[in-house]
Amino acid sequence: TRIFLQLLGSDDWQARHGGLLAIKYLLAARQDITPQFLTALLPHVIKSVSDDDDDVRAVAAAALLPVAASLPDKVPKDLIFALTDKLWTSLVILDDLSASTSSIVTLLAELLKHKNICDYYKSGKSGDSLEVLVPRLRPFMSHTIRSVRRDSCWLCMYCCKSEEIGSTRLRHSSLESSISEYFSNLRILFTLSSSRYG
C-alpha cells in the first residue's frame, strides 16, 4: 500500500498514472482484495479522479471498474458517497475530447445501480439534488462513443426510477428531451447506415 500511495502522491503525472494502472490491474486480477486495503486506497483514488491531468483522471476511474459491483459493500458509505459526488462534479468539465469521459460515466453508472446510492441522492442528503445533477448527463446523450451514450441513458433511468425526492419531485422535462434527442440520433444513424449499405 505504501508504494501505491507514494506513486499517487508524486508531482510527476506519469508516476501517478503508472500507480493507478498498477492498482487497476491488481484489482482486476485479485478479487479477494481485503476491505481494509480498499478503504486505505480509495481516498487517494478519489483525489485522482479530479487530477489536473485528464489521462490520470481516466485511469483513476477505470481502476475502480473491476470492483465497482462489490465496492459499496466493502468500504464505508461516506467514501462511496465522496466518490460519486466527485464523479458527478467531474461531468461538468468533460467534453467529447476528454480521455476520461468514458471511464467516469461508466463508473458512475455502475455505482448508481446500487439502490442505497440512488436513495442517497433522492433523499436530498447530498450537496446537490438530482434536479441539479441529472441534467449534467444531457451532453453525453449524443457523445461520439456508444458506451457513453448507453451509460448516460442508464444513469437517467436509475435516477428517475422513483419520482419522489424528499419533499419535492424530479422534473423530467430536460431528461425527456435528452432521451428523445438520444433516440432521434439513433434513428438518424440507422437511416444513414441503411442508405449507405442498402
Protein backbone atom coordinates (compact mmCIF):
# COMPACT_ATOMS: atom_id res chain seq x y z
CA THR A 1 0.00 0.00 0.00
CA ARG A 2 2.85 2.39 0.86
CA ILE A 3 4.33 2.09 -2.66
CA PHE A 4 0.97 2.88 -4.27
CA LEU A 5 0.49 5.92 -2.06
CA GLN A 6 3.99 7.20 -2.88
CA LEU A 7 3.23 6.95 -6.60
CA LEU A 8 -0.19 8.62 -6.30
CA GLY A 9 1.33 11.46 -4.27
CA SER A 10 4.08 12.15 -6.81
CA ASP A 11 4.37 15.51 -8.57
CA ASP A 12 5.05 13.64 -11.82
CA TRP A 13 1.78 12.85 -13.65
CA GLN A 14 3.38 9.80 -15.26
CA ALA A 15 4.16 8.35 -11.84
CA ARG A 16 0.56 8.93 -10.70
CA HIS A 17 -0.70 7.42 -13.94
CA GLY A 18 1.56 4.39 -13.53
CA GLY A 19 0.48 3.87 -9.93
CA LEU A 20 -3.19 3.91 -10.91
CA LEU A 21 -2.55 1.46 -13.74
CA ALA A 22 -0.92 -0.90 -11.24
CA ILE A 23 -3.96 -0.56 -8.95
CA LYS A 24 -6.30 -1.22 -11.88
CA TYR A 25 -4.53 -4.46 -12.82
CA LEU A 26 -4.27 -5.55 -9.21
CA LEU A 27 -7.99 -5.07 -8.60
CA ALA A 28 -8.83 -6.86 -11.85
CA ALA A 29 -6.60 -9.85 -11.06
CA ARG A 30 -7.33 -10.23 -7.34
CA GLN A 31 -10.98 -10.49 -6.39
CA ASP A 32 -10.02 -11.29 -2.80
CA ILE A 33 -8.68 -7.81 -2.02
CA THR A 34 -9.48 -7.01 1.61
CA PRO A 35 -11.87 -4.20 2.58
CA GLN A 36 -9.07 -2.70 4.68
CA PHE A 37 -6.84 -2.36 1.61
CA LEU A 38 -9.63 -0.76 -0.43
CA THR A 39 -10.57 1.60 2.41
CA ALA A 40 -6.95 2.76 2.74
CA LEU A 41 -6.54 3.25 -1.00
CA LEU A 42 -9.88 4.72 -2.02
CA PRO A 43 -9.42 8.30 -0.69
CA HIS A 44 -6.30 8.65 -2.84
CA VAL A 45 -8.02 7.26 -5.93
CA ILE A 46 -10.95 9.63 -5.33
CA LYS A 47 -8.49 12.52 -5.26
CA SER A 48 -7.04 11.31 -8.57
CA VAL A 49 -10.49 11.44 -10.20
CA SER A 50 -10.13 15.24 -10.10
CA ASP A 51 -6.44 15.30 -11.07
CA ASP A 52 -5.23 18.17 -13.27
CA ASP A 53 -4.19 15.65 -15.93
CA ASP A 54 -7.02 14.10 -17.94
CA ASP A 55 -5.16 10.83 -18.54
CA VAL A 56 -4.74 10.42 -14.78
CA ARG A 57 -8.46 11.09 -14.25
CA ALA A 58 -9.28 8.48 -16.89
CA VAL A 59 -7.22 5.69 -15.34
CA ALA A 60 -8.36 6.63 -11.81
CA ALA A 61 -11.98 5.95 -12.73
CA ALA A 62 -11.06 2.90 -14.82
CA ALA A 63 -9.05 1.45 -11.91
CA LEU A 64 -12.23 1.03 -9.85
CA LEU A 65 -14.35 -0.54 -12.59
CA PRO A 66 -13.25 -4.14 -11.80
CA VAL A 67 -14.60 -3.80 -8.24
CA ALA A 68 -17.46 -1.36 -8.86
CA ALA A 69 -20.13 -4.01 -8.29
CA SER A 70 -18.83 -5.01 -4.85
CA LEU A 71 -17.21 -1.74 -3.73
CA PRO A 72 -20.26 -0.34 -1.86
CA ASP A 73 -20.34 -3.50 0.28
CA LYS A 74 -16.64 -3.37 1.16
CA VAL A 75 -15.90 0.22 2.13
CA PRO A 76 -17.61 2.82 4.37
CA LYS A 77 -20.60 4.57 2.80
CA ASP A 78 -19.09 8.02 3.29
CA LEU A 79 -16.23 7.04 0.96
CA ILE A 80 -18.65 5.79 -1.68
CA PHE A 81 -20.68 8.99 -1.49
CA ALA A 82 -17.48 11.05 -1.71
CA LEU A 83 -16.56 9.10 -4.86
CA THR A 84 -19.95 9.53 -6.55
CA ASP A 85 -20.01 13.23 -5.61
CA LYS A 86 -16.61 13.62 -7.25
CA LEU A 87 -17.79 11.79 -10.38
CA TRP A 88 -20.89 13.97 -10.69
CA THR A 89 -18.69 17.07 -10.32
CA SER A 90 -16.30 15.78 -13.00
CA LEU A 91 -19.12 15.69 -15.56
CA VAL A 92 -19.12 19.49 -15.65
CA ILE A 93 -15.59 19.72 -17.06
CA LEU A 94 -15.77 16.82 -19.54
CA ASP A 95 -16.25 17.15 -23.29
CA ASP A 96 -16.05 14.97 -26.41
CA LEU A 97 -12.26 15.16 -26.41
CA SER A 98 -11.72 14.22 -22.76
CA ALA A 99 -9.97 10.88 -22.38
CA SER A 100 -11.66 10.36 -19.02
CA THR A 101 -15.26 10.72 -20.21
CA SER A 102 -15.94 7.05 -20.89
CA SER A 103 -14.49 5.65 -17.66
CA ILE A 104 -16.08 8.34 -15.46
CA VAL A 105 -19.58 7.92 -16.92
CA THR A 106 -19.29 4.11 -16.86
CA LEU A 107 -18.11 4.04 -13.22
CA LEU A 108 -20.91 6.39 -12.15
CA ALA A 109 -23.47 4.18 -13.91
CA GLU A 110 -22.09 1.06 -12.24
CA LEU A 111 -22.20 2.62 -8.78
CA LEU A 112 -25.70 4.06 -9.13
CA LYS A 113 -27.04 0.57 -9.85
CA HIS A 114 -26.91 0.17 -6.08
CA LYS A 115 -30.20 1.22 -4.55
CA ASN A 116 -28.68 2.75 -1.42
CA ILE A 117 -26.54 5.09 -3.53
CA CYS A 118 -29.51 6.23 -5.61
CA ASP A 119 -31.52 6.66 -2.42
CA TYR A 120 -28.77 8.90 -1.01
CA TYR A 121 -29.28 11.36 -3.86
CA LYS A 122 -33.04 11.02 -3.87
CA SER A 123 -33.16 11.81 -0.16
CA GLY A 124 -31.53 15.20 -0.67
CA LYS A 125 -28.69 14.39 1.74
CA SER A 126 -26.03 15.18 -0.85
CA GLY A 127 -24.90 18.71 -1.58
CA ASP A 128 -26.79 18.80 -4.90
CA SER A 129 -30.21 17.38 -5.65
CA LEU A 130 -30.96 15.16 -8.62
CA GLU A 131 -32.71 18.12 -10.22
CA VAL A 132 -29.25 19.70 -10.45
CA LEU A 133 -27.19 16.59 -11.15
CA VAL A 134 -29.15 14.66 -13.75
CA PRO A 135 -29.26 17.42 -16.42
CA ARG A 136 -25.46 17.20 -16.48
CA LEU A 137 -25.90 13.96 -18.39
CA ARG A 138 -27.55 15.63 -21.35
CA PRO A 139 -24.37 16.43 -23.37
CA PHE A 140 -23.31 12.79 -23.12
CA MET A 141 -26.54 11.54 -24.69
CA SER A 142 -25.13 12.48 -28.08
CA HIS A 143 -21.50 11.59 -27.37
CA THR A 144 -19.48 10.03 -30.17
CA ILE A 145 -18.73 6.91 -28.08
CA ARG A 146 -21.63 4.45 -27.97
CA SER A 147 -20.91 3.20 -24.44
CA VAL A 148 -21.02 6.78 -23.12
CA ARG A 149 -24.45 7.32 -24.72
CA ARG A 150 -25.67 3.99 -23.32
CA ASP A 151 -24.42 4.58 -19.78
CA SER A 152 -25.83 8.11 -19.76
CA CYS A 153 -29.27 6.67 -20.57
CA TRP A 154 -28.93 4.05 -17.83
CA LEU A 155 -27.96 6.74 -15.34
CA CYS A 156 -31.09 8.69 -16.22
CA MET A 157 -33.19 5.58 -15.71
CA TYR A 158 -31.64 4.81 -12.32
CA CYS A 159 -32.13 8.36 -11.12
CA CYS A 160 -35.69 8.68 -12.38
CA LYS A 161 -36.93 5.26 -11.27
CA SER A 162 -38.65 6.95 -8.35
CA GLU A 163 -40.13 10.40 -8.80
CA GLU A 164 -40.12 11.12 -5.08
CA ILE A 165 -37.06 13.06 -3.87
CA GLY A 166 -37.54 14.15 -0.28
CA SER A 167 -40.45 16.56 -0.33
CA THR A 168 -40.02 17.52 -3.98
CA ARG A 169 -40.43 15.82 -7.31
CA LEU A 170 -37.84 15.49 -10.01
CA ARG A 171 -38.89 17.42 -13.06
CA HIS A 172 -38.42 15.29 -16.14
CA SER A 173 -38.68 17.91 -18.87
CA SER A 174 -34.93 18.22 -19.57
CA LEU A 175 -34.45 14.47 -19.20
CA GLU A 176 -37.29 13.64 -21.55
CA SER A 177 -35.87 15.97 -24.18
CA SER A 178 -32.41 14.43 -23.67
CA ILE A 179 -33.72 10.89 -24.12
CA SER A 180 -35.79 11.97 -27.14
CA GLU A 181 -32.66 13.54 -28.60
CA TYR A 182 -30.71 10.31 -27.99
CA PHE A 183 -33.25 8.11 -29.80
CA SER A 184 -33.60 10.68 -32.54
CA ASN A 185 -29.86 10.45 -33.13
CA LEU A 186 -30.13 6.67 -33.25
CA ARG A 187 -32.81 6.89 -35.94
CA ILE A 188 -30.67 9.27 -37.99
CA LEU A 189 -27.65 6.97 -37.74
CA PHE A 190 -29.77 3.95 -38.68
CA THR A 191 -31.18 5.82 -41.69
CA LEU A 192 -27.73 6.89 -42.86
CA SER A 193 -26.39 3.37 -42.39
CA SER A 194 -29.30 1.88 -44.35
CA SER A 195 -28.81 4.38 -47.16
CA ARG A 196 -25.10 3.67 -47.33
CA TYR A 197 -25.26 -0.11 -47.33
CA GLY A 198 -28.74 -0.81 -48.57
